[in-house]
Amino acid sequence: MKSRILTGIVGAALVFVVLLFLPPIVLNFAMAVICALAMYELLVTTHHVTHRGVLAASILFSACTPFFMLGESRMPAFMLLLGYVTVLVLFQIICHQSLKVEHTAFAFCMSLIFPVAFSCLAYLRGASERDGIFYVFLGLIMPWMCDMGAYFVGTFFGRTKLCPGISPKKTVEGLVGGVVVSVGSSVLAAWLYQILWLNSHGGTVSLWQVALLSLLCAPLSVMGDLFASIIKRQCQVKDFGHIMPGHGGIMDRFDSLLLAVPLLYIVVQYFPLVY
């Protein structure tokens, strides 16, 4: 537990430095590294993809996803996607005797699902020139605090198994505790943003909207975690990696963002949380 807490503190410090003291584009590059590492873990640790060409193309494409929303046109992103598909199809044709279609499909599917979801953090940063940082913090607080709350509440009070066939340690009590901690932490973060920044710069955070959105995102973060657990269980691996002591790999730490952060990104496009 000590290594888990220490890694969390170091990670939080890095997040604060990247968001508060460095240019916005640094977040895109940071997410590019995270997406590339996550794809490497997904394809190599699961042993689903051994073809070096498919592996390299998938990692490269994943590293490009945080930059999809830069600029006014989405054509570069579409062209990159077309190029990626073309490369996969080419490899499949050339190596059809040794490269299974399901392995190529797995690489393509994972390259779209997880990197694009993680990249929504970078998209949130550009969603609002003034409030983008606040949205990014919410995107991390909602799933991660749910995970933390579920871990500690489940450890001390967990009795009823949530999905024993997928993740034996998850409990219903932990889920409830995680949702409560996530909602409370999100509202607290929004309130602090209000008094520390908006009161002197103009604007108001809708606390009830933050609470409602967190109430939706917290269970979605658990679903993302369970989906990643299914992948690990079916591939018979315990963790995706060991780059983060106490947590595992990049995927083990970021899997809860899979559904929660994209939903947050979509919502703020139509219903800004700050007025």
Protein backbone atom coordinates (compact mmCIF):
# COMPACT_ATOMS: atom_id res chain seq x y z
CA MET A 1 0.00 0.00 0.00
CA LYS A 2 2.92 2.34 0.71
CA SER A 3 4.21 2.07 -2.86
CA ARG A 4 0.67 2.62 -4.17
CA ILE A 5 0.29 5.83 -2.15
CA LEU A 6 3.79 7.08 -3.00
CA THR A 7 3.25 6.49 -6.70
CA GLY A 8 -0.06 8.34 -6.47
CA ILE A 9 1.60 11.35 -4.84
CA VAL A 10 4.35 11.49 -7.48
CA GLY A 11 1.78 11.12 -10.25
CA ALA A 12 -0.39 13.90 -8.81
CA ALA A 13 2.64 16.19 -8.60
CA LEU A 14 3.48 15.54 -12.26
CA VAL A 15 -0.11 16.30 -13.26
CA PHE A 16 -0.01 19.64 -11.43
CA VAL A 17 3.29 20.58 -13.05
CA VAL A 18 2.12 19.70 -16.57
CA LEU A 19 -1.23 21.47 -16.24
CA LEU A 20 -0.28 24.55 -14.24
CA PHE A 21 3.28 25.42 -15.18
CA LEU A 22 3.89 24.17 -18.72
CA PRO A 23 2.42 25.20 -22.12
CA PRO A 24 -0.85 23.44 -23.10
CA ILE A 25 0.82 21.48 -25.92
CA VAL A 26 2.93 19.63 -23.33
CA LEU A 27 -0.21 17.81 -22.19
CA ASN A 28 -0.71 16.54 -25.75
CA PHE A 29 2.82 15.15 -25.84
CA ALA A 30 2.43 13.65 -22.36
CA MET A 31 -0.77 11.93 -23.45
CA ALA A 32 0.97 10.74 -26.62
CA VAL A 33 3.55 8.92 -24.47
CA ILE A 34 0.82 7.48 -22.25
CA CYS A 35 -1.23 6.28 -25.24
CA ALA A 36 1.82 4.68 -26.86
CA LEU A 37 2.77 2.88 -23.65
CA ALA A 38 -0.81 1.76 -23.07
CA MET A 39 -1.00 0.30 -26.57
CA TYR A 40 2.32 -1.46 -26.12
CA GLU A 41 1.03 -3.03 -22.89
CA LEU A 42 -2.27 -4.04 -24.47
CA LEU A 43 -0.72 -5.74 -27.48
CA VAL A 44 2.49 -7.19 -26.05
CA THR A 45 1.41 -8.24 -22.55
CA THR A 46 -1.70 -10.00 -23.86
CA HIS A 47 0.39 -11.75 -26.56
CA HIS A 48 -2.32 -10.95 -29.10
CA VAL A 49 0.01 -9.19 -31.52
CA THR A 50 3.48 -10.49 -32.30
CA HIS A 51 3.83 -9.00 -35.78
CA ARG A 52 6.30 -6.15 -35.41
CA GLY A 53 4.81 -4.12 -38.27
CA VAL A 54 1.28 -4.21 -36.84
CA LEU A 55 2.65 -3.46 -33.37
CA ALA A 56 4.68 -0.47 -34.58
CA ALA A 57 1.82 0.94 -36.67
CA SER A 58 -0.63 0.61 -33.76
CA ILE A 59 1.71 2.29 -31.28
CA LEU A 60 2.46 5.12 -33.70
CA PHE A 61 -1.23 5.69 -34.45
CA SER A 62 -2.04 5.66 -30.72
CA ALA A 63 0.64 8.28 -30.06
CA CYS A 64 -0.98 10.55 -32.65
CA THR A 65 -4.50 10.47 -31.19
CA PRO A 66 -3.96 13.31 -28.64
CA PHE A 67 -3.33 15.67 -31.58
CA PHE A 68 -6.54 14.88 -33.47
CA MET A 69 -8.40 17.94 -32.20
CA LEU A 70 -5.66 20.47 -32.92
CA GLY A 71 -6.53 22.96 -35.63
CA GLU A 72 -9.85 23.66 -37.29
CA SER A 73 -9.92 20.74 -39.75
CA ARG A 74 -10.42 17.10 -38.83
CA MET A 75 -9.11 15.97 -42.21
CA PRO A 76 -5.55 15.23 -40.95
CA ALA A 77 -6.99 12.85 -38.35
CA PHE A 78 -9.13 11.13 -40.98
CA MET A 79 -6.14 10.81 -43.32
CA LEU A 80 -4.05 9.32 -40.51
CA LEU A 81 -6.80 6.83 -39.73
CA LEU A 82 -7.04 5.85 -43.39
CA GLY A 83 -3.25 5.44 -43.54
CA TYR A 84 -3.29 3.25 -40.43
CA VAL A 85 -6.05 1.03 -41.83
CA THR A 86 -4.20 0.78 -45.15
CA VAL A 87 -1.01 -0.36 -43.40
CA LEU A 88 -2.91 -2.99 -41.40
CA VAL A 89 -4.63 -4.30 -44.50
CA LEU A 90 -1.32 -4.41 -46.34
CA PHE A 91 0.35 -6.40 -43.57
CA GLN A 92 -2.64 -8.74 -43.45
CA ILE A 93 -2.38 -9.42 -47.17
CA ILE A 94 1.39 -9.93 -47.18
CA CYS A 95 1.49 -12.06 -44.02
CA HIS A 96 -1.86 -13.82 -44.36
CA GLN A 97 -0.35 -17.22 -43.60
CA SER A 98 1.09 -16.22 -40.22
CA LEU A 99 -0.98 -13.17 -39.23
CA LYS A 100 -4.49 -13.96 -38.07
CA VAL A 101 -7.28 -11.55 -38.92
CA GLU A 102 -8.52 -11.54 -35.33
CA HIS A 103 -5.12 -10.35 -34.13
CA THR A 104 -5.11 -7.48 -36.63
CA ALA A 105 -8.69 -6.65 -35.65
CA PHE A 106 -7.73 -6.67 -31.96
CA ALA A 107 -4.89 -4.23 -32.63
CA PHE A 108 -7.19 -1.92 -34.63
CA CYS A 109 -10.00 -2.06 -32.08
CA MET A 110 -7.73 -1.40 -29.10
CA SER A 111 -5.98 1.43 -30.98
CA LEU A 112 -9.30 3.21 -31.31
CA ILE A 113 -10.93 2.44 -27.98
CA PHE A 114 -8.31 3.25 -25.36
CA PRO A 115 -6.00 5.89 -26.92
CA VAL A 116 -8.91 8.03 -28.14
CA ALA A 117 -10.56 7.78 -24.72
CA PHE A 118 -7.34 8.76 -22.93
CA SER A 119 -6.75 11.56 -25.44
CA CYS A 120 -10.01 13.17 -24.36
CA LEU A 121 -7.98 14.65 -21.51
CA ALA A 122 -6.02 16.64 -24.10
CA TYR A 123 -9.25 17.46 -25.92
CA LEU A 124 -10.72 18.78 -22.66
CA ARG A 125 -7.71 21.08 -22.24
CA GLY A 126 -8.57 22.70 -25.56
CA ALA A 127 -12.32 22.73 -24.97
CA SER A 128 -12.08 26.05 -23.12
CA GLU A 129 -9.19 28.50 -23.05
CA ARG A 130 -10.04 29.58 -19.52
CA ASP A 131 -11.60 26.49 -17.94
CA GLY A 132 -9.81 23.71 -19.83
CA ILE A 133 -7.48 22.94 -16.93
CA PHE A 134 -10.44 22.65 -14.58
CA TYR A 135 -12.10 20.17 -16.94
CA VAL A 136 -8.93 18.08 -17.12
CA PHE A 137 -8.73 17.93 -13.34
CA LEU A 138 -12.37 16.82 -13.22
CA GLY A 139 -11.61 14.19 -15.85
CA LEU A 140 -8.97 12.73 -13.54
CA ILE A 141 -10.71 13.28 -10.21
CA MET A 142 -14.00 11.58 -11.13
CA PRO A 143 -12.60 8.15 -12.10
CA TRP A 144 -9.49 8.12 -9.93
CA MET A 145 -11.23 9.18 -6.73
CA CYS A 146 -13.91 6.61 -7.42
CA ASP A 147 -11.18 4.00 -7.76
CA MET A 148 -9.48 5.18 -4.58
CA GLY A 149 -12.72 5.32 -2.61
CA ALA A 150 -13.76 1.88 -3.83
CA TYR A 151 -10.35 0.46 -2.91
CA PHE A 152 -10.33 1.70 0.68
CA VAL A 153 -14.05 1.25 1.41
CA GLY A 154 -13.99 -2.20 -0.18
CA THR A 155 -10.87 -3.18 1.78
CA PHE A 156 -12.36 -2.32 5.17
CA PHE A 157 -16.11 -2.75 4.67
CA GLY A 158 -16.52 -4.87 1.55
CA ARG A 159 -18.69 -7.96 1.97
CA THR A 160 -20.82 -8.42 -1.16
CA LYS A 161 -18.91 -9.34 -4.30
CA LEU A 162 -19.65 -7.13 -7.30
CA CYS A 163 -18.35 -9.23 -10.22
CA PRO A 164 -16.45 -12.18 -8.74
CA GLY A 165 -15.99 -13.79 -12.15
CA ILE A 166 -14.19 -10.69 -13.46
CA SER A 167 -12.60 -8.96 -10.49
CA PRO A 168 -12.88 -10.95 -7.22
CA LYS A 169 -11.77 -8.06 -5.00
CA LYS A 170 -14.44 -5.59 -6.13
CA THR A 171 -17.46 -5.29 -3.84
CA VAL A 172 -20.83 -3.55 -3.92
CA GLU A 173 -19.87 -1.63 -0.79
CA GLY A 174 -16.69 -0.50 -2.50
CA LEU A 175 -18.65 0.67 -5.54
CA VAL A 176 -21.02 2.72 -3.39
CA GLY A 177 -18.12 4.19 -1.44
CA GLY A 178 -16.26 4.98 -4.64
CA VAL A 179 -19.24 6.83 -6.10
CA VAL A 180 -19.70 8.84 -2.90
CA VAL A 181 -16.01 9.75 -2.75
CA SER A 182 -15.99 10.66 -6.45
CA VAL A 183 -19.02 12.95 -6.18
CA GLY A 184 -17.73 14.59 -3.01
CA SER A 185 -14.23 15.12 -4.41
CA SER A 186 -15.56 16.55 -7.69
CA VAL A 187 -17.85 19.01 -5.92
CA LEU A 188 -15.00 20.00 -3.57
CA ALA A 189 -12.68 20.59 -6.54
CA ALA A 190 -15.35 22.68 -8.26
CA TRP A 191 -15.93 24.72 -5.11
CA LEU A 192 -12.20 25.35 -4.70
CA TYR A 193 -11.98 26.43 -8.34
CA GLN A 194 -14.82 28.83 -7.67
CA ILE A 195 -13.31 30.53 -4.64
CA LEU A 196 -9.65 30.43 -5.70
CA TRP A 197 -10.07 31.53 -9.32
CA LEU A 198 -13.53 32.38 -10.57
CA ASN A 199 -14.48 34.79 -7.79
CA SER A 200 -11.69 37.10 -8.89
CA HIS A 201 -11.91 36.45 -12.64
CA GLY A 202 -15.64 36.19 -13.15
CA GLY A 203 -17.78 33.11 -13.62
CA THR A 204 -19.66 30.51 -11.63
CA VAL A 205 -19.36 26.75 -11.39
CA SER A 206 -22.62 24.83 -11.42
CA LEU A 207 -22.03 22.54 -8.46
CA TRP A 208 -25.20 20.53 -9.01
CA GLN A 209 -24.17 19.82 -12.60
CA VAL A 210 -20.74 18.69 -11.41
CA ALA A 211 -22.35 16.42 -8.82
CA LEU A 212 -24.79 14.93 -11.35
CA LEU A 213 -22.06 14.39 -13.94
CA SER A 214 -19.80 12.74 -11.38
CA LEU A 215 -22.70 10.52 -10.34
CA LEU A 216 -22.82 9.30 -13.94
CA CYS A 217 -19.08 9.12 -14.58
CA ALA A 218 -18.14 7.23 -11.41
CA PRO A 219 -20.00 4.01 -12.33
CA LEU A 220 -18.74 4.34 -15.90
CA SER A 221 -15.19 4.41 -14.59
CA VAL A 222 -15.83 1.10 -12.82
CA MET A 223 -17.16 -0.33 -16.09
CA GLY A 224 -13.94 0.70 -17.84
CA ASP A 225 -11.90 -0.97 -15.12
CA LEU A 226 -13.97 -4.16 -15.40
CA PHE A 227 -13.56 -4.21 -19.18
CA ALA A 228 -9.80 -4.05 -18.81
CA SER A 229 -10.00 -6.79 -16.16
CA ILE A 230 -11.84 -9.01 -18.64
CA ILE A 231 -9.01 -8.55 -21.14
CA LYS A 232 -6.43 -9.47 -18.50
CA ARG A 233 -8.42 -12.46 -17.26
CA GLN A 234 -9.03 -13.87 -20.73
CA CYS A 235 -5.35 -13.39 -21.59
CA GLN A 236 -4.28 -14.82 -18.21
CA VAL A 237 -2.18 -11.85 -17.06
CA LYS A 238 -2.29 -10.21 -13.64
CA ASP A 239 -1.17 -6.70 -14.62
CA PHE A 240 -0.57 -4.95 -17.92
CA GLY A 241 2.86 -3.78 -16.75
CA HIS A 242 5.03 -2.72 -13.82
CA ILE A 243 5.98 0.84 -14.74
CA MET A 244 3.96 2.26 -11.82
CA PRO A 245 4.85 0.57 -8.49
CA GLY A 246 1.75 -0.39 -6.55
CA HIS A 247 -0.51 0.19 -9.55
CA GLY A 248 0.93 -1.91 -12.36
CA GLY A 249 1.15 -0.58 -15.88
CA ILE A 250 -0.21 2.50 -17.59
CA MET A 251 -3.33 0.58 -18.57
CA ASP A 252 -3.88 -0.54 -14.97
CA ARG A 253 -3.99 3.10 -13.88
CA PHE A 254 -5.81 4.69 -16.82
CA ASP A 255 -8.38 2.01 -17.71
CA SER A 256 -11.05 3.69 -15.57
CA LEU A 257 -10.93 6.70 -17.92
CA LEU A 258 -12.29 4.62 -20.82
CA LEU A 259 -15.93 5.76 -20.62
CA ALA A 260 -15.90 8.53 -18.02
CA VAL A 261 -13.61 11.06 -19.72
CA PRO A 262 -15.22 10.84 -23.19
CA LEU A 263 -18.62 11.43 -21.58
CA LEU A 264 -17.26 14.45 -19.73
CA TYR A 265 -15.81 15.80 -22.99
CA ILE A 266 -19.13 15.40 -24.81
CA VAL A 267 -21.16 16.96 -22.00
CA VAL A 268 -19.05 20.12 -21.69
CA GLN A 269 -19.45 20.75 -25.41
CA TYR A 270 -23.18 21.26 -24.92
CA PHE A 271 -23.55 22.01 -21.20
CA PRO A 272 -20.54 23.96 -19.88
CA LEU A 273 -20.05 23.51 -16.17
CA VAL A 274 -18.73 27.04 -15.78
CA TYR A 275 -20.85 30.09 -16.62
